[in-house]
Amino acid sequence: MNSFEHKQSPPQQFLHQAFTSLQTHVSDFCNNLRTNLHSKSSLFAKISTENQSISTSIKNKSMPAEAIDERLAGVPVYALSNGSQEFVLVSGSSGKNLGLFCFSEGDAEALLNQMKKMDSSMSSDSQVVAVALSKIFQLKVEGVALRLIPEASQIKNALKERKRAGLQDESFPGIPVFQSKSLILRSQNKRYRPVFFRKEDLEKSLLRASRDQKQLNPALRAGDIQVAVLEEIVQGMKDSSSALWDDVVFIPPGFDVSTDPSQQQKSS
């Protein structure tokens, strides 16, 4: 990367709308979990013996864009904003502007500090802002390439799990997400497949579910945790049968699912 620039890529109002939308959806997500956990037809995690692995192979009527947005809206990513509430863009070596969106707030803060050191003219009002992941998949700006930045620790986790599955990958082609064929959620007689952005959140959910059901923790069994690429799942939602994805629930980073309402919380 050669230099840093401050440019208004989307309209200024977009940043306000995206942040407000994220706050609403995250709040709704947490409230719905708490409500369902306390209701008679509670949402609860359960260890299953059925194979519920992620697949993108079935082709049929695609999932509506609104339904895809709804599934992604509660997941935050973090971008840099200047004092005018415009996204901070990075000029790439190809001359194309890059909009960077980190899954880790800490990574975004580190990027901001590094950019301030490299560019003394950068506004002191620049800050890290949260944006709903759904907005990133919607956003198209001419001359700007949007890049999602995964957590380095989760790339390592993904490669480790793939190695356990017999794959010797040296890199990962996107944002890793984690699922267990042994973990399902139930609410109002419907089953859901939770998909996590952090392996640790999945492991905590498996541990709690196995303790509640007095079963062996499935995470201890080789091959029980599957790794997929977020971008491929989203593309699969656009291309494949909507019925294939109706049961997928994205769990925001730092959250796990629990059978006990008193333990349902955001992880530290």
C-alpha atoms as a PDB file:
ATOM      1  CA  MET A   1       0.000   0.000   0.000  1.00  0.00           C
ATOM      2  CA  ASN A   2       1.467   3.304  -1.045  1.00  0.00           C
ATOM      3  CA  SER A   3      -0.503   5.987   0.725  1.00  0.00           C
ATOM      4  CA  PHE A   4      -3.587   6.726   2.786  1.00  0.00           C
ATOM      5  CA  GLU A   5      -6.497   8.856   1.745  1.00  0.00           C
ATOM      6  CA  HIS A   6      -9.658  10.222   3.275  1.00  0.00           C
ATOM      7  CA  LYS A   7     -12.507   9.977   0.824  1.00  0.00           C
ATOM      8  CA  GLN A   8     -16.243   9.908   1.072  1.00  0.00           C
ATOM      9  CA  SER A   9     -17.042   6.575  -0.572  1.00  0.00           C
ATOM     10  CA  PRO A  10     -20.710   6.065   0.312  1.00  0.00           C
ATOM     11  CA  PRO A  11     -22.884   9.062   1.303  1.00  0.00           C
ATOM     12  CA  GLN A  12     -22.305  10.420   4.787  1.00  0.00           C
ATOM     13  CA  GLN A  13     -25.790   9.283   5.817  1.00  0.00           C
ATOM     14  CA  PHE A  14     -24.817   5.679   5.157  1.00  0.00           C
ATOM     15  CA  LEU A  15     -22.490   5.564   8.154  1.00  0.00           C
ATOM     16  CA  HIS A  16     -25.218   6.818  10.494  1.00  0.00           C
ATOM     17  CA  GLN A  17     -27.764   4.370   9.047  1.00  0.00           C
ATOM     18  CA  ALA A  18     -25.364   1.442   9.175  1.00  0.00           C
ATOM     19  CA  PHE A  19     -24.412   2.107  12.788  1.00  0.00           C
ATOM     20  CA  THR A  20     -28.044   2.578  13.850  1.00  0.00           C
ATOM     21  CA  SER A  21     -29.063  -0.562  11.977  1.00  0.00           C
ATOM     22  CA  LEU A  22     -26.306  -2.554  13.675  1.00  0.00           C
ATOM     23  CA  GLN A  23     -27.309  -1.363  17.141  1.00  0.00           C
ATOM     24  CA  THR A  24     -30.935  -2.318  16.461  1.00  0.00           C
ATOM     25  CA  HIS A  25     -30.167  -5.763  15.081  1.00  0.00           C
ATOM     26  CA  VAL A  26     -27.633  -6.675  17.782  1.00  0.00           C
ATOM     27  CA  SER A  27     -30.097  -5.541  20.442  1.00  0.00           C
ATOM     28  CA  ASP A  28     -32.903  -7.510  18.800  1.00  0.00           C
ATOM     29  CA  PHE A  29     -30.663 -10.572  18.474  1.00  0.00           C
ATOM     30  CA  CYS A  30     -29.777 -10.570  22.170  1.00  0.00           C
ATOM     31  CA  ASN A  31     -33.333  -9.781  23.264  1.00  0.00           C
ATOM     32  CA  ASN A  32     -34.746 -12.562  21.093  1.00  0.00           C
ATOM     33  CA  LEU A  33     -32.303 -15.038  22.591  1.00  0.00           C
ATOM     34  CA  ARG A  34     -33.263 -14.014  26.110  1.00  0.00           C
ATOM     35  CA  THR A  35     -37.005 -14.040  25.297  1.00  0.00           C
ATOM     36  CA  ASN A  36     -36.859 -17.448  23.651  1.00  0.00           C
ATOM     37  CA  LEU A  37     -34.757 -18.892  26.430  1.00  0.00           C
ATOM     38  CA  HIS A  38     -37.384 -17.877  28.997  1.00  0.00           C
ATOM     39  CA  SER A  39     -40.428 -18.819  26.915  1.00  0.00           C
ATOM     40  CA  LYS A  40     -42.237 -22.158  26.992  1.00  0.00           C
ATOM     41  CA  SER A  41     -40.951 -22.998  23.540  1.00  0.00           C
ATOM     42  CA  SER A  42     -37.432 -21.941  24.479  1.00  0.00           C
ATOM     43  CA  LEU A  43     -34.457 -21.717  22.171  1.00  0.00           C
ATOM     44  CA  PHE A  44     -31.974 -24.238  23.438  1.00  0.00           C
ATOM     45  CA  ALA A  45     -28.764 -25.902  22.379  1.00  0.00           C
ATOM     46  CA  LYS A  46     -28.806 -29.641  21.970  1.00  0.00           C
ATOM     47  CA  ILE A  47     -26.208 -32.255  21.157  1.00  0.00           C
ATOM     48  CA  SER A  48     -27.377 -34.119  18.062  1.00  0.00           C
ATOM     49  CA  THR A  49     -26.167 -37.336  16.465  1.00  0.00           C
ATOM     50  CA  GLU A  50     -27.380 -36.260  13.028  1.00  0.00           C
ATOM     51  CA  ASN A  51     -25.084 -34.883  10.352  1.00  0.00           C
ATOM     52  CA  GLN A  52     -25.917 -31.197   9.878  1.00  0.00           C
ATOM     53  CA  SER A  53     -22.849 -30.095   7.920  1.00  0.00           C
ATOM     54  CA  ILE A  54     -22.853 -27.013   5.706  1.00  0.00           C
ATOM     55  CA  SER A  55     -23.332 -27.611   2.000  1.00  0.00           C
ATOM     56  CA  THR A  56     -23.627 -25.378  -1.022  1.00  0.00           C
ATOM     57  CA  SER A  57     -24.362 -28.031  -3.624  1.00  0.00           C
ATOM     58  CA  ILE A  58     -28.167 -27.891  -3.971  1.00  0.00           C
ATOM     59  CA  LYS A  59     -29.400 -25.620  -6.761  1.00  0.00           C
ATOM     60  CA  ASN A  60     -32.968 -24.337  -6.712  1.00  0.00           C
ATOM     61  CA  LYS A  61     -34.868 -21.175  -5.879  1.00  0.00           C
ATOM     62  CA  SER A  62     -32.463 -18.762  -4.200  1.00  0.00           C
ATOM     63  CA  MET A  63     -32.973 -17.127  -0.833  1.00  0.00           C
ATOM     64  CA  PRO A  64     -34.437 -13.584  -1.003  1.00  0.00           C
ATOM     65  CA  ALA A  65     -31.914 -10.792  -0.490  1.00  0.00           C
ATOM     66  CA  GLU A  66     -33.919  -9.496   2.470  1.00  0.00           C
ATOM     67  CA  ALA A  67     -33.616 -12.852   4.231  1.00  0.00           C
ATOM     68  CA  ILE A  68     -29.855 -12.916   3.685  1.00  0.00           C
ATOM     69  CA  ASP A  69     -29.516  -9.375   5.041  1.00  0.00           C
ATOM     70  CA  GLU A  70     -31.538 -10.314   8.112  1.00  0.00           C
ATOM     71  CA  ARG A  71     -29.167 -13.174   8.907  1.00  0.00           C
ATOM     72  CA  LEU A  72     -26.077 -10.984   8.601  1.00  0.00           C
ATOM     73  CA  ALA A  73     -27.432  -7.787  10.182  1.00  0.00           C
ATOM     74  CA  GLY A  74     -26.578  -8.742  13.763  1.00  0.00           C
ATOM     75  CA  VAL A  75     -22.890  -9.351  13.023  1.00  0.00           C
ATOM     76  CA  PRO A  76     -20.648  -6.298  13.486  1.00  0.00           C
ATOM     77  CA  VAL A  77     -17.512  -5.446  11.545  1.00  0.00           C
ATOM     78  CA  TYR A  78     -15.293  -2.452  12.254  1.00  0.00           C
ATOM     79  CA  ALA A  79     -14.169   0.301   9.888  1.00  0.00           C
ATOM     80  CA  LEU A  80     -12.272   3.572  10.165  1.00  0.00           C
ATOM     81  CA  SER A  81     -14.121   6.877   9.967  1.00  0.00           C
ATOM     82  CA  ASN A  82     -12.709  10.395   9.806  1.00  0.00           C
ATOM     83  CA  GLY A  83     -14.015  13.498  11.555  1.00  0.00           C
ATOM     84  CA  SER A  84     -16.533  14.090   8.751  1.00  0.00           C
ATOM     85  CA  GLN A  85     -17.997  10.628   9.313  1.00  0.00           C
ATOM     86  CA  GLU A  86     -16.626   9.382   5.998  1.00  0.00           C
ATOM     87  CA  PHE A  87     -14.982   6.010   5.621  1.00  0.00           C
ATOM     88  CA  VAL A  88     -11.196   6.136   5.549  1.00  0.00           C
ATOM     89  CA  LEU A  89      -9.920   4.454   2.381  1.00  0.00           C
ATOM     90  CA  VAL A  90      -6.482   3.018   1.747  1.00  0.00           C
ATOM     91  CA  SER A  91      -4.851   3.447  -1.666  1.00  0.00           C
ATOM     92  CA  GLY A  92      -3.621   0.095  -2.933  1.00  0.00           C
ATOM     93  CA  SER A  93      -0.601  -0.497  -5.160  1.00  0.00           C
ATOM     94  CA  SER A  94      -2.921  -0.960  -8.147  1.00  0.00           C
ATOM     95  CA  GLY A  95      -4.315   2.538  -7.652  1.00  0.00           C
ATOM     96  CA  LYS A  96      -7.687   1.223  -6.498  1.00  0.00           C
ATOM     97  CA  ASN A  97      -9.032   2.450  -3.169  1.00  0.00           C
ATOM     98  CA  LEU A  98      -9.572  -0.181  -0.501  1.00  0.00           C
ATOM     99  CA  GLY A  99     -12.239  -0.095   2.189  1.00  0.00           C
ATOM    100  CA  LEU A 100     -11.113  -2.302   5.085  1.00  0.00           C
ATOM    101  CA  PHE A 101     -13.585  -3.899   7.515  1.00  0.00           C
ATOM    102  CA  CYS A 102     -12.197  -5.880  10.447  1.00  0.00           C
ATOM    103  CA  PHE A 103     -14.008  -8.577  12.394  1.00  0.00           C
ATOM    104  CA  SER A 104     -11.957  -7.642  15.446  1.00  0.00           C
ATOM    105  CA  GLU A 105     -12.405  -4.196  16.962  1.00  0.00           C
ATOM    106  CA  GLY A 106      -8.867  -4.501  18.341  1.00  0.00           C
ATOM    107  CA  ASP A 107      -7.488  -5.063  14.833  1.00  0.00           C
ATOM    108  CA  ALA A 108      -9.308  -1.956  13.614  1.00  0.00           C
ATOM    109  CA  GLU A 109      -7.904   0.092  16.507  1.00  0.00           C
ATOM    110  CA  ALA A 110      -4.392  -1.159  15.719  1.00  0.00           C
ATOM    111  CA  LEU A 111      -4.876  -0.239  12.049  1.00  0.00           C
ATOM    112  CA  LEU A 112      -6.050   3.247  13.013  1.00  0.00           C
ATOM    113  CA  ASN A 113      -3.027   3.810  15.253  1.00  0.00           C
ATOM    114  CA  GLN A 114      -0.671   2.592  12.541  1.00  0.00           C
ATOM    115  CA  MET A 115      -2.234   4.871   9.940  1.00  0.00           C
ATOM    116  CA  LYS A 116      -1.968   7.881  12.248  1.00  0.00           C
ATOM    117  CA  LYS A 117       1.750   7.179  12.642  1.00  0.00           C
ATOM    118  CA  MET A 118       2.264   6.897   8.885  1.00  0.00           C
ATOM    119  CA  ASP A 119       0.089   9.860   7.932  1.00  0.00           C
ATOM    120  CA  SER A 120       0.527  12.923  10.161  1.00  0.00           C
ATOM    121  CA  SER A 121      -2.239  14.746   8.302  1.00  0.00           C
ATOM    122  CA  MET A 122      -4.833  12.216   9.350  1.00  0.00           C
ATOM    123  CA  SER A 123      -7.624  13.785  11.382  1.00  0.00           C
ATOM    124  CA  SER A 124      -7.395  13.437  15.145  1.00  0.00           C
ATOM    125  CA  ASP A 125     -11.145  12.848  15.089  1.00  0.00           C
ATOM    126  CA  SER A 126     -10.712   9.614  13.139  1.00  0.00           C
ATOM    127  CA  GLN A 127     -12.142   6.648  14.979  1.00  0.00           C
ATOM    128  CA  VAL A 128     -13.246   3.038  14.730  1.00  0.00           C
ATOM    129  CA  VAL A 129     -16.954   2.568  13.992  1.00  0.00           C
ATOM    130  CA  ALA A 130     -19.126  -0.550  13.914  1.00  0.00           C
ATOM    131  CA  VAL A 131     -21.027  -1.429  10.736  1.00  0.00           C
ATOM    132  CA  ALA A 132     -23.476  -4.272  10.160  1.00  0.00           C
ATOM    133  CA  LEU A 133     -21.997  -7.062   8.042  1.00  0.00           C
ATOM    134  CA  SER A 134     -25.130  -7.073   5.881  1.00  0.00           C
ATOM    135  CA  LYS A 135     -24.335  -3.515   4.770  1.00  0.00           C
ATOM    136  CA  ILE A 136     -20.928  -4.585   3.477  1.00  0.00           C
ATOM    137  CA  PHE A 137     -22.420  -7.246   1.232  1.00  0.00           C
ATOM    138  CA  GLN A 138     -24.927  -4.661  -0.046  1.00  0.00           C
ATOM    139  CA  LEU A 139     -22.431  -1.882  -0.647  1.00  0.00           C
ATOM    140  CA  LYS A 140     -21.005  -1.286  -4.115  1.00  0.00           C
ATOM    141  CA  VAL A 141     -18.929   1.804  -4.747  1.00  0.00           C
ATOM    142  CA  GLU A 142     -17.240   2.497  -8.077  1.00  0.00           C
ATOM    143  CA  GLY A 143     -13.466   2.454  -7.808  1.00  0.00           C
ATOM    144  CA  VAL A 144     -13.498   1.003  -4.283  1.00  0.00           C
ATOM    145  CA  ALA A 145     -12.718  -2.611  -3.376  1.00  0.00           C
ATOM    146  CA  LEU A 146     -14.164  -3.729  -0.047  1.00  0.00           C
ATOM    147  CA  ARG A 147     -12.046  -6.118   1.992  1.00  0.00           C
ATOM    148  CA  LEU A 148     -13.143  -8.110   5.021  1.00  0.00           C
ATOM    149  CA  ILE A 149     -10.252  -8.707   7.431  1.00  0.00           C
ATOM    150  CA  PRO A 150     -10.577 -11.916   9.500  1.00  0.00           C
ATOM    151  CA  GLU A 151      -9.128 -12.378  12.956  1.00  0.00           C
ATOM    152  CA  ALA A 152      -5.654 -13.910  12.659  1.00  0.00           C
ATOM    153  CA  SER A 153      -6.429 -16.301  15.515  1.00  0.00           C
ATOM    154  CA  GLN A 154      -9.447 -17.673  13.646  1.00  0.00           C
ATOM    155  CA  ILE A 155      -7.411 -18.230  10.479  1.00  0.00           C
ATOM    156  CA  LYS A 156      -5.045 -20.322  12.607  1.00  0.00           C
ATOM    157  CA  ASN A 157      -8.002 -22.201  14.099  1.00  0.00           C
ATOM    158  CA  ALA A 158      -9.443 -22.862  10.653  1.00  0.00           C
ATOM    159  CA  LEU A 159      -6.161 -24.187   9.273  1.00  0.00           C
ATOM    160  CA  LYS A 160      -5.716 -26.353  12.353  1.00  0.00           C
ATOM    161  CA  GLU A 161      -9.179 -27.893  11.949  1.00  0.00           C
ATOM    162  CA  ARG A 162      -8.585 -28.490   8.251  1.00  0.00           C
ATOM    163  CA  LYS A 163      -5.322 -30.201   9.094  1.00  0.00           C
ATOM    164  CA  ARG A 164      -7.185 -32.468  11.503  1.00  0.00           C
ATOM    165  CA  ALA A 165      -9.506 -33.282   8.608  1.00  0.00           C
ATOM    166  CA  GLY A 166      -6.547 -34.266   6.441  1.00  0.00           C
ATOM    167  CA  LEU A 167      -6.185 -31.041   4.440  1.00  0.00           C
ATOM    168  CA  GLN A 168      -2.770 -29.401   4.305  1.00  0.00           C
ATOM    169  CA  ASP A 169      -3.715 -25.811   3.488  1.00  0.00           C
ATOM    170  CA  GLU A 170      -1.176 -23.034   3.999  1.00  0.00           C
ATOM    171  CA  SER A 171      -3.708 -20.216   3.646  1.00  0.00           C
ATOM    172  CA  PHE A 172      -7.446 -19.709   4.004  1.00  0.00           C
ATOM    173  CA  PRO A 173      -9.505 -18.268   1.125  1.00  0.00           C
ATOM    174  CA  GLY A 174     -11.808 -15.899   3.016  1.00  0.00           C
ATOM    175  CA  ILE A 175     -13.519 -15.427   6.372  1.00  0.00           C
ATOM    176  CA  PRO A 176     -13.591 -18.693   8.346  1.00  0.00           C
ATOM    177  CA  VAL A 177     -16.773 -19.759  10.136  1.00  0.00           C
ATOM    178  CA  PHE A 178     -17.238 -22.773  12.369  1.00  0.00           C
ATOM    179  CA  GLN A 179     -20.054 -25.246  12.809  1.00  0.00           C
ATOM    180  CA  SER A 180     -20.535 -28.561  14.586  1.00  0.00           C
ATOM    181  CA  LYS A 181     -22.738 -31.289  13.182  1.00  0.00           C
ATOM    182  CA  SER A 182     -23.461 -32.162  16.819  1.00  0.00           C
ATOM    183  CA  LEU A 183     -24.863 -28.781  17.871  1.00  0.00           C
ATOM    184  CA  ILE A 184     -28.367 -27.680  16.962  1.00  0.00           C
ATOM    185  CA  LEU A 185     -30.754 -25.061  18.328  1.00  0.00           C
ATOM    186  CA  ARG A 186     -34.461 -25.605  18.808  1.00  0.00           C
ATOM    187  CA  SER A 187     -37.194 -22.982  19.010  1.00  0.00           C
ATOM    188  CA  GLN A 188     -40.935 -23.432  18.497  1.00  0.00           C
ATOM    189  CA  ASN A 189     -40.404 -26.941  17.117  1.00  0.00           C
ATOM    190  CA  LYS A 190     -37.909 -25.726  14.525  1.00  0.00           C
ATOM    191  CA  ARG A 191     -34.252 -26.663  14.281  1.00  0.00           C
ATOM    192  CA  TYR A 192     -31.438 -24.200  13.579  1.00  0.00           C
ATOM    193  CA  ARG A 193     -27.759 -24.611  12.704  1.00  0.00           C
ATOM    194  CA  PRO A 194     -25.621 -22.071  14.565  1.00  0.00           C
ATOM    195  CA  VAL A 195     -22.604 -20.843  12.598  1.00  0.00           C
ATOM    196  CA  PHE A 196     -19.866 -19.138  14.617  1.00  0.00           C
ATOM    197  CA  PHE A 197     -17.169 -16.634  13.674  1.00  0.00           C
ATOM    198  CA  ARG A 198     -14.934 -17.829  16.506  1.00  0.00           C
ATOM    199  CA  LYS A 199     -14.068 -21.434  17.191  1.00  0.00           C
ATOM    200  CA  GLU A 200     -13.882 -20.672  20.922  1.00  0.00           C
ATOM    201  CA  ASP A 201     -17.549 -19.588  20.971  1.00  0.00           C
ATOM    202  CA  LEU A 202     -18.571 -22.878  19.348  1.00  0.00           C
ATOM    203  CA  GLU A 203     -16.481 -24.865  21.804  1.00  0.00           C
ATOM    204  CA  LYS A 204     -18.095 -23.086  24.768  1.00  0.00           C
ATOM    205  CA  SER A 205     -21.543 -23.828  23.358  1.00  0.00           C
ATOM    206  CA  LEU A 206     -20.678 -27.507  22.835  1.00  0.00           C
ATOM    207  CA  LEU A 207     -19.264 -27.770  26.346  1.00  0.00           C
ATOM    208  CA  ARG A 208     -22.357 -26.269  27.957  1.00  0.00           C
ATOM    209  CA  ALA A 209     -24.734 -28.388  25.903  1.00  0.00           C
ATOM    210  CA  SER A 210     -22.806 -31.572  26.685  1.00  0.00           C
ATOM    211  CA  ARG A 211     -22.754 -30.749  30.409  1.00  0.00           C
ATOM    212  CA  ASP A 212     -26.485 -30.073  30.476  1.00  0.00           C
ATOM    213  CA  GLN A 213     -27.211 -33.339  28.673  1.00  0.00           C
ATOM    214  CA  LYS A 214     -24.505 -35.241  30.564  1.00  0.00           C
ATOM    215  CA  GLN A 215     -22.886 -36.331  27.306  1.00  0.00           C
ATOM    216  CA  LEU A 216     -19.320 -36.414  26.086  1.00  0.00           C
ATOM    217  CA  ASN A 217     -18.242 -33.051  24.724  1.00  0.00           C
ATOM    218  CA  PRO A 218     -18.376 -33.494  20.910  1.00  0.00           C
ATOM    219  CA  ALA A 219     -15.523 -31.001  20.487  1.00  0.00           C
ATOM    220  CA  LEU A 220     -13.221 -33.713  21.784  1.00  0.00           C
ATOM    221  CA  ARG A 221     -14.025 -35.922  18.796  1.00  0.00           C
ATOM    222  CA  ALA A 222     -11.888 -35.403  15.695  1.00  0.00           C
ATOM    223  CA  GLY A 223     -13.845 -34.077  12.744  1.00  0.00           C
ATOM    224  CA  ASP A 224     -16.833 -32.834  14.706  1.00  0.00           C
ATOM    225  CA  ILE A 225     -16.039 -29.169  14.038  1.00  0.00           C
ATOM    226  CA  GLN A 226     -16.361 -28.146  10.401  1.00  0.00           C
ATOM    227  CA  VAL A 227     -14.853 -25.032   8.830  1.00  0.00           C
ATOM    228  CA  ALA A 228     -16.478 -23.144   5.964  1.00  0.00           C
ATOM    229  CA  VAL A 229     -15.891 -19.888   4.101  1.00  0.00           C
ATOM    230  CA  LEU A 230     -18.372 -17.109   4.891  1.00  0.00           C
ATOM    231  CA  GLU A 231     -18.291 -15.703   1.362  1.00  0.00           C
ATOM    232  CA  GLU A 232     -19.119 -19.130  -0.088  1.00  0.00           C
ATOM    233  CA  ILE A 233     -22.064 -19.528   2.276  1.00  0.00           C
ATOM    234  CA  VAL A 234     -23.458 -16.117   1.327  1.00  0.00           C
ATOM    235  CA  GLN A 235     -22.993 -16.931  -2.356  1.00  0.00           C
ATOM    236  CA  GLY A 236     -24.716 -20.248  -1.740  1.00  0.00           C
ATOM    237  CA  MET A 237     -27.650 -18.412  -0.193  1.00  0.00           C
ATOM    238  CA  LYS A 238     -27.903 -16.317  -3.350  1.00  0.00           C
ATOM    239  CA  ASP A 239     -27.573 -19.261  -5.730  1.00  0.00           C
ATOM    240  CA  SER A 240     -29.035 -22.272  -3.939  1.00  0.00           C
ATOM    241  CA  SER A 241     -32.381 -23.409  -2.596  1.00  0.00           C
ATOM    242  CA  SER A 242     -33.713 -21.130   0.132  1.00  0.00           C
ATOM    243  CA  ALA A 243     -34.846 -24.245   2.001  1.00  0.00           C
ATOM    244  CA  LEU A 244     -31.203 -25.258   2.326  1.00  0.00           C
ATOM    245  CA  TRP A 245     -30.410 -22.120   4.361  1.00  0.00           C
ATOM    246  CA  ASP A 246     -33.583 -21.443   6.337  1.00  0.00           C
ATOM    247  CA  ASP A 247     -32.074 -23.041   9.431  1.00  0.00           C
ATOM    248  CA  VAL A 248     -28.736 -21.200   9.446  1.00  0.00           C
ATOM    249  CA  VAL A 249     -28.174 -18.692  12.268  1.00  0.00           C
ATOM    250  CA  PHE A 250     -24.995 -16.599  12.381  1.00  0.00           C
ATOM    251  CA  ILE A 251     -23.724 -16.105  15.937  1.00  0.00           C
ATOM    252  CA  PRO A 252     -21.846 -12.781  16.380  1.00  0.00           C
ATOM    253  CA  PRO A 253     -18.214 -13.002  17.555  1.00  0.00           C
ATOM    254  CA  GLY A 254     -17.981 -13.188  21.321  1.00  0.00           C
ATOM    255  CA  PHE A 255     -21.375 -14.876  21.799  1.00  0.00           C
ATOM    256  CA  ASP A 256     -22.115 -18.486  22.561  1.00  0.00           C
ATOM    257  CA  VAL A 257     -25.416 -20.349  22.910  1.00  0.00           C
ATOM    258  CA  SER A 258     -26.499 -21.958  26.153  1.00  0.00           C
ATOM    259  CA  THR A 259     -29.251 -24.170  27.494  1.00  0.00           C
ATOM    260  CA  ASP A 260     -29.316 -22.215  30.756  1.00  0.00           C
ATOM    261  CA  PRO A 261     -30.794 -18.672  30.552  1.00  0.00           C
ATOM    262  CA  SER A 262     -28.685 -17.551  33.486  1.00  0.00           C
ATOM    263  CA  GLN A 263     -25.534 -18.462  31.565  1.00  0.00           C
ATOM    264  CA  GLN A 264     -26.504 -16.879  28.230  1.00  0.00           C
ATOM    265  CA  GLN A 265     -23.986 -14.091  27.859  1.00  0.00           C
ATOM    266  CA  LYS A 266     -21.452 -12.362  25.725  1.00  0.00           C
ATOM    267  CA  SER A 267     -18.058 -13.958  26.087  1.00  0.00           C
ATOM    268  CA  SER A 268     -15.150 -11.864  27.246  1.00  0.00           C
END
